[in-house]
N, C-alpha and C. Protein backbone atom coordinates (compact mmCIF):
# COMPACT_ATOMS: atom_id res chain seq x y z
N MET A 1 145.37 68.31 90.02
CA MET A 1 145.16 69.74 90.14
C MET A 1 146.31 70.44 89.45
N LYS A 2 145.96 71.44 88.67
CA LYS A 2 146.93 72.23 87.94
C LYS A 2 146.81 73.67 88.43
N THR A 3 147.94 74.34 88.62
CA THR A 3 147.90 75.74 89.01
C THR A 3 148.82 76.56 88.13
N GLY A 4 148.59 77.87 88.09
CA GLY A 4 149.44 78.76 87.32
C GLY A 4 148.66 79.49 86.25
N ARG A 5 149.04 80.70 85.96
CA ARG A 5 148.38 81.52 84.93
C ARG A 5 148.62 80.87 83.57
N PRO A 6 147.55 80.63 82.80
CA PRO A 6 147.71 79.96 81.52
C PRO A 6 148.42 80.83 80.48
N GLN A 7 149.12 80.18 79.58
CA GLN A 7 149.80 80.86 78.49
C GLN A 7 148.83 81.02 77.33
N GLY A 8 148.87 82.14 76.64
CA GLY A 8 148.07 82.33 75.45
C GLY A 8 146.63 82.75 75.70
N TYR A 9 146.22 82.84 76.94
CA TYR A 9 144.86 83.27 77.28
C TYR A 9 144.97 84.48 78.19
N PRO A 10 145.05 85.69 77.64
CA PRO A 10 145.20 86.88 78.48
C PRO A 10 143.98 87.05 79.39
N THR A 11 144.22 87.45 80.61
CA THR A 11 143.14 87.68 81.57
C THR A 11 143.37 89.00 82.29
N VAL A 12 142.34 89.48 82.94
CA VAL A 12 142.48 90.64 83.81
C VAL A 12 143.30 90.16 85.00
N ALA A 13 144.36 90.87 85.34
CA ALA A 13 145.34 90.41 86.32
C ALA A 13 144.72 90.03 87.67
N SER A 14 143.68 90.71 88.08
CA SER A 14 143.12 90.45 89.41
C SER A 14 142.05 89.36 89.41
N THR A 15 141.80 88.72 88.28
CA THR A 15 140.77 87.70 88.19
C THR A 15 141.38 86.32 88.44
N PHE A 16 140.68 85.51 89.24
CA PHE A 16 141.09 84.12 89.46
C PHE A 16 140.09 83.22 88.76
N ARG A 17 140.60 82.32 87.93
CA ARG A 17 139.76 81.39 87.17
C ARG A 17 139.96 79.98 87.72
N LEU A 18 138.86 79.35 88.11
CA LEU A 18 138.90 77.99 88.66
C LEU A 18 138.06 77.09 87.78
N GLY A 19 138.66 76.05 87.20
CA GLY A 19 137.95 75.06 86.41
C GLY A 19 137.61 73.87 87.28
N ILE A 20 136.39 73.37 87.17
CA ILE A 20 135.93 72.25 87.99
C ILE A 20 135.33 71.19 87.08
N THR A 21 135.81 69.95 87.20
CA THR A 21 135.28 68.85 86.41
C THR A 21 135.03 67.66 87.32
N GLY A 22 134.32 66.70 86.81
CA GLY A 22 134.03 65.47 87.54
C GLY A 22 132.88 64.74 86.88
N PRO A 23 132.66 63.50 87.26
CA PRO A 23 131.58 62.73 86.65
C PRO A 23 130.21 63.26 87.07
N PRO A 24 129.19 62.94 86.29
CA PRO A 24 127.82 63.35 86.67
C PRO A 24 127.48 62.84 88.07
N GLY A 25 126.89 63.70 88.88
CA GLY A 25 126.48 63.33 90.23
C GLY A 25 127.56 63.43 91.28
N ALA A 26 128.74 63.91 90.91
CA ALA A 26 129.84 64.00 91.88
C ALA A 26 129.66 65.16 92.85
N GLY A 27 128.83 66.13 92.50
CA GLY A 27 128.61 67.28 93.37
C GLY A 27 129.27 68.55 92.89
N LYS A 28 129.57 68.64 91.61
CA LYS A 28 130.21 69.85 91.07
C LYS A 28 129.36 71.10 91.32
N SER A 29 128.08 71.02 90.99
CA SER A 29 127.20 72.19 91.15
C SER A 29 127.01 72.54 92.63
N THR A 30 126.91 71.53 93.47
CA THR A 30 126.77 71.76 94.91
C THR A 30 128.02 72.45 95.46
N LEU A 31 129.19 71.98 95.05
CA LEU A 31 130.45 72.60 95.46
C LEU A 31 130.54 74.04 94.97
N ILE A 32 130.18 74.26 93.72
CA ILE A 32 130.26 75.60 93.14
C ILE A 32 129.32 76.55 93.86
N GLU A 33 128.10 76.11 94.16
CA GLU A 33 127.18 76.99 94.87
C GLU A 33 127.71 77.35 96.25
N ALA A 34 128.21 76.36 97.00
CA ALA A 34 128.75 76.63 98.34
C ALA A 34 129.97 77.54 98.27
N LEU A 35 130.88 77.26 97.35
CA LEU A 35 132.07 78.09 97.20
C LEU A 35 131.69 79.50 96.75
N GLY A 36 130.79 79.60 95.79
CA GLY A 36 130.35 80.90 95.31
C GLY A 36 129.71 81.75 96.40
N LYS A 37 128.85 81.13 97.21
CA LYS A 37 128.21 81.86 98.32
C LYS A 37 129.26 82.31 99.34
N HIS A 38 130.24 81.45 99.61
CA HIS A 38 131.30 81.82 100.55
C HIS A 38 132.09 83.01 100.00
N LEU A 39 132.44 82.95 98.72
CA LEU A 39 133.22 84.04 98.12
C LEU A 39 132.45 85.35 98.06
N THR A 40 131.16 85.31 97.71
CA THR A 40 130.38 86.56 97.69
C THR A 40 130.22 87.11 99.10
N GLY A 41 130.16 86.22 100.08
CA GLY A 41 130.11 86.66 101.48
C GLY A 41 131.38 87.34 101.93
N GLN A 42 132.49 87.05 101.24
CA GLN A 42 133.78 87.68 101.52
C GLN A 42 134.00 88.94 100.69
N GLY A 43 132.99 89.33 99.89
CA GLY A 43 133.09 90.55 99.10
C GLY A 43 133.52 90.37 97.66
N HIS A 44 133.68 89.13 97.21
CA HIS A 44 134.07 88.88 95.82
C HIS A 44 132.85 88.93 94.90
N LYS A 45 133.10 89.25 93.65
CA LYS A 45 132.08 89.15 92.61
C LYS A 45 132.40 87.89 91.82
N VAL A 46 131.44 86.96 91.80
CA VAL A 46 131.66 85.62 91.26
C VAL A 46 130.80 85.39 90.02
N ALA A 47 131.44 84.94 88.94
CA ALA A 47 130.73 84.53 87.73
C ALA A 47 130.92 83.03 87.56
N VAL A 48 129.83 82.34 87.27
CA VAL A 48 129.87 80.89 87.06
C VAL A 48 129.49 80.60 85.62
N MET A 49 130.35 79.87 84.93
CA MET A 49 130.02 79.35 83.61
C MET A 49 129.79 77.86 83.79
N ALA A 50 128.55 77.45 83.73
CA ALA A 50 128.19 76.05 83.92
C ALA A 50 127.91 75.43 82.55
N VAL A 51 128.84 74.65 82.05
CA VAL A 51 128.71 74.07 80.72
C VAL A 51 127.87 72.81 80.83
N ASP A 52 126.78 72.78 80.08
CA ASP A 52 125.82 71.68 80.11
C ASP A 52 125.82 70.92 78.80
N PRO A 53 125.38 69.65 78.85
CA PRO A 53 125.13 68.95 77.59
C PRO A 53 124.07 69.72 76.80
N SER A 54 124.11 69.59 75.49
CA SER A 54 123.19 70.34 74.63
C SER A 54 122.06 69.46 74.11
N SER A 55 120.92 70.10 73.93
CA SER A 55 119.78 69.44 73.31
C SER A 55 120.07 69.23 71.83
N SER A 56 119.77 68.03 71.33
CA SER A 56 119.97 67.78 69.90
C SER A 56 118.92 68.50 69.07
N LEU A 57 117.82 68.91 69.71
CA LEU A 57 116.75 69.61 68.99
C LEU A 57 116.97 71.12 68.92
N THR A 58 117.30 71.73 70.07
CA THR A 58 117.40 73.19 70.12
C THR A 58 118.83 73.71 70.18
N GLY A 59 119.77 72.85 70.63
CA GLY A 59 121.15 73.29 70.80
C GLY A 59 121.40 73.97 72.13
N GLY A 60 120.34 74.18 72.90
CA GLY A 60 120.46 74.84 74.21
C GLY A 60 120.85 73.87 75.32
N SER A 61 121.07 74.40 76.51
CA SER A 61 121.44 73.59 77.66
C SER A 61 120.28 72.69 78.07
N ILE A 62 120.60 71.44 78.39
CA ILE A 62 119.58 70.50 78.84
C ILE A 62 119.34 70.64 80.34
N LEU A 63 120.41 70.69 81.12
CA LEU A 63 120.28 70.62 82.58
C LEU A 63 119.94 71.95 83.24
N GLY A 64 120.42 73.03 82.72
CA GLY A 64 120.14 74.34 83.30
C GLY A 64 120.65 74.46 84.72
N ASP A 65 121.99 74.56 84.90
CA ASP A 65 122.58 74.60 86.22
C ASP A 65 122.05 75.73 87.08
N ARG A 66 121.48 76.73 86.47
CA ARG A 66 120.91 77.82 87.26
C ARG A 66 119.83 77.30 88.21
N THR A 67 119.11 76.27 87.78
CA THR A 67 118.07 75.69 88.65
C THR A 67 118.68 74.90 89.79
N ARG A 68 119.92 74.43 89.65
CA ARG A 68 120.58 73.70 90.73
C ARG A 68 121.37 74.62 91.64
N MET A 69 121.60 75.85 91.24
CA MET A 69 122.34 76.83 92.05
C MET A 69 121.41 78.00 92.39
N VAL A 70 120.30 77.68 92.98
CA VAL A 70 119.24 78.67 93.21
C VAL A 70 119.73 79.82 94.08
N GLU A 71 120.35 79.52 95.22
CA GLU A 71 120.79 80.59 96.12
C GLU A 71 121.84 81.47 95.46
N LEU A 72 122.80 80.86 94.81
CA LEU A 72 123.87 81.64 94.18
C LEU A 72 123.32 82.49 93.03
N SER A 73 122.39 81.96 92.27
CA SER A 73 121.86 82.73 91.13
C SER A 73 121.04 83.93 91.59
N ARG A 74 120.60 83.93 92.84
CA ARG A 74 119.86 85.08 93.39
C ARG A 74 120.77 86.10 94.06
N ASP A 75 122.02 85.76 94.25
CA ASP A 75 122.98 86.63 94.93
C ASP A 75 123.32 87.80 94.01
N PRO A 76 123.20 89.05 94.49
CA PRO A 76 123.49 90.21 93.63
C PRO A 76 124.96 90.31 93.22
N ASN A 77 125.86 89.62 93.91
CA ASN A 77 127.28 89.66 93.56
C ASN A 77 127.71 88.42 92.77
N ALA A 78 126.73 87.71 92.21
CA ALA A 78 127.05 86.50 91.44
C ALA A 78 126.27 86.52 90.13
N TYR A 79 126.84 85.84 89.16
CA TYR A 79 126.21 85.67 87.86
C TYR A 79 126.41 84.22 87.45
N VAL A 80 125.31 83.50 87.21
CA VAL A 80 125.37 82.10 86.81
C VAL A 80 124.92 82.01 85.36
N ARG A 81 125.79 81.50 84.51
CA ARG A 81 125.52 81.41 83.08
C ARG A 81 125.57 79.97 82.62
N PRO A 82 124.39 79.35 82.39
CA PRO A 82 124.40 78.02 81.77
C PRO A 82 124.87 78.18 80.32
N SER A 83 125.82 77.35 79.92
CA SER A 83 126.37 77.44 78.58
C SER A 83 126.32 76.07 77.92
N PRO A 84 125.60 75.95 76.81
CA PRO A 84 125.55 74.65 76.14
C PRO A 84 126.88 74.29 75.49
N SER A 85 127.26 73.03 75.57
CA SER A 85 128.52 72.59 74.97
C SER A 85 128.41 72.50 73.45
N ARG A 86 127.19 72.28 72.97
CA ARG A 86 126.93 72.13 71.54
C ARG A 86 127.87 71.14 70.87
N GLY A 87 128.20 70.07 71.62
CA GLY A 87 129.02 69.00 71.07
C GLY A 87 130.50 69.29 70.98
N THR A 88 130.93 70.46 71.48
CA THR A 88 132.34 70.82 71.43
C THR A 88 133.12 70.01 72.45
N LEU A 89 134.23 69.43 72.04
CA LEU A 89 135.09 68.72 72.98
C LEU A 89 135.95 69.71 73.74
N GLY A 90 136.49 69.28 74.87
CA GLY A 90 137.36 70.13 75.66
C GLY A 90 136.73 70.56 76.97
N GLY A 91 135.45 70.22 77.20
CA GLY A 91 134.80 70.52 78.46
C GLY A 91 134.07 71.84 78.51
N VAL A 92 134.28 72.69 77.52
CA VAL A 92 133.61 74.00 77.48
C VAL A 92 133.09 74.26 76.07
N GLY A 93 132.17 75.20 75.96
CA GLY A 93 131.63 75.57 74.66
C GLY A 93 132.63 76.39 73.85
N ARG A 94 132.34 76.56 72.59
CA ARG A 94 133.23 77.23 71.65
C ARG A 94 133.49 78.69 72.03
N HIS A 95 132.53 79.37 72.63
CA HIS A 95 132.67 80.80 72.94
C HIS A 95 133.01 81.04 74.42
N ALA A 96 133.47 80.02 75.11
CA ALA A 96 133.74 80.14 76.55
C ALA A 96 134.76 81.23 76.85
N HIS A 97 135.83 81.30 76.08
CA HIS A 97 136.86 82.29 76.37
C HIS A 97 136.31 83.71 76.26
N ASN A 98 135.50 83.98 75.24
CA ASN A 98 134.91 85.31 75.09
C ASN A 98 133.98 85.62 76.25
N THR A 99 133.20 84.65 76.68
CA THR A 99 132.29 84.85 77.82
C THR A 99 133.09 85.16 79.08
N MET A 100 134.20 84.47 79.26
CA MET A 100 135.04 84.72 80.44
C MET A 100 135.59 86.15 80.40
N ARG A 101 136.04 86.60 79.25
CA ARG A 101 136.57 87.96 79.13
C ARG A 101 135.50 89.01 79.44
N ILE A 102 134.30 88.78 78.96
CA ILE A 102 133.21 89.72 79.22
C ILE A 102 132.94 89.79 80.72
N CYS A 103 132.91 88.64 81.39
CA CYS A 103 132.69 88.63 82.84
C CYS A 103 133.80 89.37 83.58
N GLU A 104 135.04 89.16 83.15
CA GLU A 104 136.16 89.86 83.77
C GLU A 104 136.04 91.37 83.58
N GLU A 105 135.74 91.78 82.38
CA GLU A 105 135.61 93.21 82.09
C GLU A 105 134.42 93.83 82.83
N ALA A 106 133.42 93.01 83.17
CA ALA A 106 132.25 93.49 83.91
C ALA A 106 132.53 93.60 85.41
N GLY A 107 133.73 93.22 85.83
CA GLY A 107 134.11 93.40 87.22
C GLY A 107 134.06 92.15 88.09
N PHE A 108 133.80 90.99 87.51
CA PHE A 108 133.81 89.75 88.30
C PHE A 108 135.26 89.35 88.51
N ASN A 109 135.65 89.17 89.79
CA ASN A 109 137.05 88.86 90.08
C ASN A 109 137.31 87.39 90.32
N THR A 110 136.26 86.57 90.31
CA THR A 110 136.40 85.12 90.43
C THR A 110 135.51 84.47 89.39
N LEU A 111 136.08 83.61 88.56
CA LEU A 111 135.33 82.87 87.56
C LEU A 111 135.40 81.39 87.89
N LEU A 112 134.24 80.77 88.02
CA LEU A 112 134.16 79.33 88.27
C LEU A 112 133.61 78.69 87.00
N VAL A 113 134.35 77.76 86.42
CA VAL A 113 133.97 77.13 85.17
C VAL A 113 133.72 75.65 85.42
N GLU A 114 132.46 75.25 85.31
CA GLU A 114 132.09 73.85 85.49
C GLU A 114 132.02 73.18 84.12
N THR A 115 132.78 72.11 83.93
CA THR A 115 132.77 71.42 82.65
C THR A 115 131.55 70.52 82.53
N VAL A 116 131.31 70.07 81.31
CA VAL A 116 130.16 69.23 81.02
C VAL A 116 130.27 67.87 81.71
N GLY A 117 131.46 67.40 82.01
CA GLY A 117 131.63 66.12 82.68
C GLY A 117 133.08 65.68 82.64
N ALA A 118 133.37 64.61 83.34
CA ALA A 118 134.75 64.14 83.40
C ALA A 118 135.05 63.22 82.24
N GLY A 119 136.23 63.34 81.75
CA GLY A 119 136.68 62.50 80.66
C GLY A 119 138.10 62.87 80.34
N GLN A 120 138.56 62.47 79.19
CA GLN A 120 139.93 62.77 78.82
C GLN A 120 140.00 63.92 77.83
N SER A 121 138.88 64.63 77.66
CA SER A 121 138.88 65.72 76.68
C SER A 121 138.78 67.10 77.33
N GLU A 122 138.90 67.20 78.65
CA GLU A 122 138.76 68.49 79.34
C GLU A 122 140.05 69.30 79.29
N THR A 123 140.77 69.24 78.19
CA THR A 123 142.05 69.92 78.09
C THR A 123 141.90 71.41 77.84
N VAL A 124 140.84 71.83 77.18
CA VAL A 124 140.67 73.25 76.86
C VAL A 124 140.44 74.06 78.13
N VAL A 125 139.56 73.61 79.01
CA VAL A 125 139.28 74.37 80.23
C VAL A 125 140.51 74.41 81.13
N GLU A 126 141.32 73.38 81.11
CA GLU A 126 142.56 73.40 81.90
C GLU A 126 143.48 74.52 81.43
N GLU A 127 143.54 74.73 80.12
CA GLU A 127 144.40 75.78 79.56
C GLU A 127 143.85 77.18 79.81
N MET A 128 142.55 77.29 80.08
CA MET A 128 141.90 78.60 80.24
C MET A 128 141.82 79.05 81.69
N THR A 129 142.22 78.20 82.63
CA THR A 129 142.03 78.52 84.05
C THR A 129 143.36 78.56 84.80
N ASP A 130 143.32 79.19 85.97
CA ASP A 130 144.49 79.26 86.83
C ASP A 130 144.65 77.98 87.64
N MET A 131 143.54 77.37 87.97
CA MET A 131 143.55 76.12 88.74
C MET A 131 142.44 75.24 88.20
N PHE A 132 142.69 73.95 88.13
CA PHE A 132 141.74 72.99 87.58
C PHE A 132 141.64 71.83 88.55
N VAL A 133 140.43 71.55 89.04
CA VAL A 133 140.26 70.50 90.04
C VAL A 133 139.26 69.45 89.56
N LEU A 134 139.45 68.25 90.07
CA LEU A 134 138.58 67.12 89.76
C LEU A 134 137.78 66.80 91.01
N VAL A 135 136.45 66.76 90.86
CA VAL A 135 135.55 66.42 91.96
C VAL A 135 135.11 64.98 91.76
N LEU A 136 135.29 64.14 92.78
CA LEU A 136 134.89 62.74 92.70
C LEU A 136 133.88 62.42 93.80
N PRO A 137 132.92 61.54 93.50
CA PRO A 137 131.98 61.13 94.55
C PRO A 137 132.70 60.30 95.62
N PRO A 138 132.17 60.29 96.83
CA PRO A 138 132.83 59.50 97.90
C PRO A 138 132.80 58.02 97.61
């Protein structure tokens, strides 16, 4: 786990960015939905960037995390954005930083960033977040 405001990535001061990674099936989406619902219940506005593997045919997201976070995606104080990785290394898509800034400027005070999966290339999302956690199956 890494904590601290990242260098070189300006953010809205009141926004907290949490990066979440782990192997497929570890429960990242389940954790994010539960945490997101808890935070919106506490009055926070939560944006989720769920980075998915990309289709080799269309370039779009294959898994569509919005379908796995049904309750959170219906919450009026939450925004769930499936984002295709499009083969970009680092755990997030190429335009992730811009998407995060837009969410911050739109008033979301908590950003949850789910990486495409666990590996040794999730260095970009670590640099873009205040805290970075690894979710492992039991």
